[in-house]
């Protein structure tokens, strides 16, 4: 009879999975490496998850809890859009630094190796931020707090594209080197300065 995992052990297992998927990708990751990293047997994992793909999707769901938490903080500050932007950018940059493998796993997802789950994963990962950003911008425009000449959904899309690249710049080696080239090593080493510049850029673009 297998030993049932407590919440701490399950969290450790999911974190181990995220680390492996971030480093090796879905196709090249093997469950035995995840089990070894988590300090449990492969058999125990299969008592909880049908196969590697099911476990991978569980890891994605687990990592999305962080994004949901950040989105909740955005909604709390929606009446002060500048403050909202400052909090959002600060929290996302901090999360990208503290949970680098979450974002490296997201990057792996967007690279094409998880094509069979593209629609499902896009709906899970993007629908949360798409709804929040679109509603936030639509409300601010209706109240005359920003100027948008066009569909708020497009502005939300452009905004999220910039945010996604910003997060990758603090979590993925290639994009961090890219940031150094564009921004200089001194700025790349100063997340606060980068975040403030991003907020200034978006404030100007939105006519705040």
Protein backbone atom coordinates (compact mmCIF):
# COMPACT_ATOMS: atom_id res chain seq x y z
CA UNK A 1 0.00 0.00 0.00
CA UNK A 2 1.40 3.38 -0.99
CA UNK A 3 1.88 6.24 1.42
CA UNK A 4 -0.58 9.09 0.82
CA UNK A 5 1.15 12.41 0.19
CA UNK A 6 0.36 15.31 2.49
CA UNK A 7 -0.06 18.86 1.16
CA UNK A 8 3.62 19.68 1.65
CA UNK A 9 4.72 16.60 -0.28
CA UNK A 10 2.25 17.28 -3.08
CA UNK A 11 3.55 20.83 -3.37
CA UNK A 12 7.13 19.53 -3.47
CA UNK A 13 6.13 17.09 -6.22
CA UNK A 14 4.50 19.79 -8.35
CA UNK A 15 7.48 22.12 -7.88
CA UNK A 16 9.80 19.29 -8.92
CA UNK A 17 7.66 18.74 -12.00
CA UNK A 18 7.76 22.41 -12.94
CA UNK A 19 11.55 22.42 -12.59
CA UNK A 20 11.91 19.38 -14.84
CA UNK A 21 9.46 20.60 -17.49
CA UNK A 22 11.16 24.01 -17.51
CA UNK A 23 14.58 22.45 -18.01
CA UNK A 24 13.76 19.61 -20.40
CA UNK A 25 10.38 20.34 -21.97
CA UNK A 26 7.34 18.08 -21.98
CA UNK A 27 8.64 15.53 -24.48
CA UNK A 28 12.08 14.97 -22.92
CA UNK A 29 11.00 14.97 -19.27
CA UNK A 30 10.79 11.53 -17.67
CA UNK A 31 8.74 10.74 -14.60
CA UNK A 32 11.59 8.94 -12.87
CA UNK A 33 13.61 12.19 -12.81
CA UNK A 34 10.66 14.03 -11.28
CA UNK A 35 10.20 11.31 -8.66
CA UNK A 36 13.89 11.41 -7.75
CA UNK A 37 13.80 15.19 -7.48
CA UNK A 38 10.73 15.04 -5.24
CA UNK A 39 12.10 12.20 -3.14
CA UNK A 40 9.27 9.77 -3.84
CA UNK A 41 8.68 6.71 -6.00
CA UNK A 42 7.31 6.82 -9.54
CA UNK A 43 4.52 4.53 -8.47
CA UNK A 44 3.23 7.10 -5.99
CA UNK A 45 3.00 9.74 -8.73
CA UNK A 46 0.87 7.44 -10.86
CA UNK A 47 -1.49 6.95 -7.94
CA UNK A 48 -2.34 10.64 -8.29
CA UNK A 49 -1.92 11.29 -12.02
CA UNK A 50 -2.87 9.02 -14.92
CA UNK A 51 0.21 9.80 -17.03
CA UNK A 52 2.92 12.38 -17.67
CA UNK A 53 0.61 14.65 -19.65
CA UNK A 54 -1.97 14.73 -16.85
CA UNK A 55 0.77 15.59 -14.38
CA UNK A 56 2.10 18.32 -16.69
CA UNK A 57 -1.35 19.94 -16.88
CA UNK A 58 -1.58 19.75 -13.07
CA UNK A 59 1.74 21.61 -12.84
CA UNK A 60 0.38 24.32 -15.13
CA UNK A 61 -2.74 24.66 -12.97
CA UNK A 62 -0.61 24.90 -9.84
CA UNK A 63 1.62 27.62 -11.32
CA UNK A 64 -1.42 29.64 -12.42
CA UNK A 65 -2.38 30.21 -8.80
CA UNK A 66 0.42 32.79 -8.69
CA UNK A 67 -1.03 34.65 -11.68
CA UNK A 68 -4.50 34.60 -10.16
CA UNK A 69 -3.14 36.15 -6.97
CA UNK A 70 -1.50 38.96 -8.93
CA UNK A 71 -4.70 39.57 -10.92
CA UNK A 72 -6.67 39.91 -7.70
CA UNK A 73 -4.32 42.69 -6.59
CA UNK A 74 -4.91 44.46 -9.92
CA UNK A 75 -8.66 44.54 -9.43
CA UNK A 76 -8.29 45.99 -5.94
CA UNK A 77 -6.54 49.05 -7.37
CA UNK A 78 -8.54 49.54 -10.56
CA UNK A 79 -9.70 53.08 -9.71
CA UNK A 80 -6.12 54.37 -9.69
CA UNK A 81 -4.75 53.09 -12.98
CA UNK A 82 -1.24 54.44 -12.48
CA UNK A 83 -1.02 52.75 -9.07
CA UNK A 84 -2.54 49.63 -10.57
CA UNK A 85 0.19 49.52 -13.23
CA UNK A 86 2.92 50.09 -10.66
CA UNK A 87 1.69 47.25 -8.43
CA UNK A 88 1.13 44.89 -11.34
CA UNK A 89 4.57 45.43 -12.88
CA UNK A 90 6.31 45.24 -9.50
CA UNK A 91 4.57 41.99 -8.57
CA UNK A 92 5.11 40.34 -11.95
CA UNK A 93 8.81 41.22 -12.05
CA UNK A 94 9.21 39.91 -8.49
CA UNK A 95 7.37 36.69 -9.38
CA UNK A 96 9.51 36.20 -12.49
CA UNK A 97 12.63 36.44 -10.34
CA UNK A 98 11.40 34.29 -7.48
CA UNK A 99 9.70 31.62 -9.62
CA UNK A 100 11.91 31.56 -12.70
CA UNK A 101 10.99 28.02 -13.67
CA UNK A 102 7.28 28.85 -13.78
CA UNK A 103 8.00 31.31 -16.57
CA UNK A 104 10.55 29.06 -18.24
CA UNK A 105 7.82 26.42 -18.36
CA UNK A 106 5.42 28.97 -19.90
CA UNK A 107 8.09 29.76 -22.48
CA UNK A 108 8.40 26.06 -23.26
CA UNK A 109 4.63 25.94 -23.77
CA UNK A 110 4.71 28.84 -26.23
CA UNK A 111 7.66 27.37 -28.17
CA UNK A 112 5.49 24.79 -29.92
CA UNK A 113 6.49 21.56 -28.19
CA UNK A 114 3.10 21.44 -26.47
CA UNK A 115 1.10 22.01 -29.65
CA UNK A 116 -1.48 19.34 -28.89
CA UNK A 117 -2.53 21.34 -25.84
CA UNK A 118 -2.24 24.80 -27.43
CA UNK A 119 -5.94 25.68 -27.27
CA UNK A 120 -6.44 24.25 -23.78
CA UNK A 121 -3.35 25.91 -22.32
CA UNK A 122 -3.97 29.25 -24.00
CA UNK A 123 -7.48 29.29 -22.53
CA UNK A 124 -6.13 28.49 -19.05
CA UNK A 125 -3.18 30.85 -19.05
CA UNK A 126 -4.42 33.81 -21.09
CA UNK A 127 -8.14 34.04 -20.32
CA UNK A 128 -7.56 35.35 -16.80
CA UNK A 129 -5.38 38.30 -17.77
CA UNK A 130 -7.27 38.98 -21.03
CA UNK A 131 -10.54 39.49 -19.15
CA UNK A 132 -8.99 41.61 -16.38
CA UNK A 133 -6.98 43.87 -18.69
CA UNK A 134 -9.83 44.39 -21.18
CA UNK A 135 -12.35 45.25 -18.47
CA UNK A 136 -9.84 47.51 -16.69
CA UNK A 137 -9.05 49.48 -19.84
CA UNK A 138 -12.69 49.64 -20.97
CA UNK A 139 -13.80 51.03 -17.61
CA UNK A 140 -10.98 53.58 -17.48
CA UNK A 141 -11.77 54.74 -21.03
CA UNK A 142 -15.49 55.07 -20.27
CA UNK A 143 -14.67 57.22 -17.25
CA UNK A 144 -12.34 59.43 -19.29
CA UNK A 145 -9.23 58.46 -17.34
CA UNK A 146 -7.34 57.19 -20.40
CA UNK A 147 -7.44 57.73 -24.15
CA UNK A 148 -7.82 54.69 -26.41
CA UNK A 149 -8.45 55.16 -30.12
CA UNK A 150 -9.62 51.68 -30.95
CA UNK A 151 -10.76 48.38 -29.51
CA UNK A 152 -9.73 47.95 -25.83
CA UNK A 153 -9.19 44.25 -26.52
CA UNK A 154 -6.36 45.10 -28.89
CA UNK A 155 -4.76 47.41 -26.33
CA UNK A 156 -5.09 44.64 -23.72
CA UNK A 157 -3.37 42.25 -26.15
CA UNK A 158 -0.50 44.66 -26.86
CA UNK A 159 -0.12 45.39 -23.15
CA UNK A 160 0.04 41.71 -22.25
CA UNK A 161 2.59 41.07 -25.02
CA UNK A 162 4.87 43.66 -23.44
CA UNK A 163 4.31 42.27 -19.95
CA UNK A 164 5.04 38.73 -21.10
CA UNK A 165 8.34 39.79 -22.63
CA UNK A 166 9.17 41.74 -19.48
CA UNK A 167 8.61 38.65 -17.34
CA UNK A 168 10.69 36.47 -19.67
CA UNK A 169 13.45 39.07 -19.42
CA UNK A 170 13.74 38.37 -15.70
CA UNK A 171 13.37 34.59 -15.90
CA UNK A 172 14.81 33.24 -19.17
CA UNK A 173 18.55 33.47 -19.83
CA UNK A 174 18.26 34.43 -23.51
CA UNK A 175 15.81 37.24 -22.87
CA UNK A 176 17.82 38.49 -19.91
CA UNK A 177 20.88 38.79 -22.15
CA UNK A 178 18.69 40.52 -24.72
CA UNK A 179 17.61 43.02 -22.07
CA UNK A 180 21.25 43.74 -21.25
CA UNK A 181 21.94 44.55 -24.91
CA UNK A 182 18.97 46.90 -25.24
CA UNK A 183 18.92 48.46 -21.78
CA UNK A 184 22.50 48.17 -20.57
CA UNK A 185 23.80 45.92 -17.82
CA UNK A 186 23.16 48.54 -15.15
CA UNK A 187 19.43 48.70 -15.96
CA UNK A 188 19.09 44.94 -16.40
CA UNK A 189 20.46 44.57 -12.87
CA UNK A 190 17.90 47.03 -11.50
CA UNK A 191 14.37 45.55 -11.72
CA UNK A 192 12.87 48.60 -10.00
CA UNK A 193 14.28 50.97 -12.63
CA UNK A 194 13.03 48.76 -15.46
CA UNK A 195 9.59 48.54 -13.86
CA UNK A 196 9.34 52.30 -13.41
CA UNK A 197 10.35 52.91 -17.02
CA UNK A 198 7.72 50.40 -18.17
CA UNK A 199 5.01 52.16 -16.17
CA UNK A 200 6.07 55.55 -17.61
CA UNK A 201 5.92 54.10 -21.13
CA UNK A 202 2.46 52.59 -20.66
CA UNK A 203 1.13 55.72 -18.93
CA UNK A 204 2.17 57.81 -21.93
CA UNK A 205 0.69 55.28 -24.38
CA UNK A 206 -2.64 55.30 -22.54
CA UNK A 207 -2.76 59.06 -22.11
CA UNK A 208 -2.85 58.89 -18.33
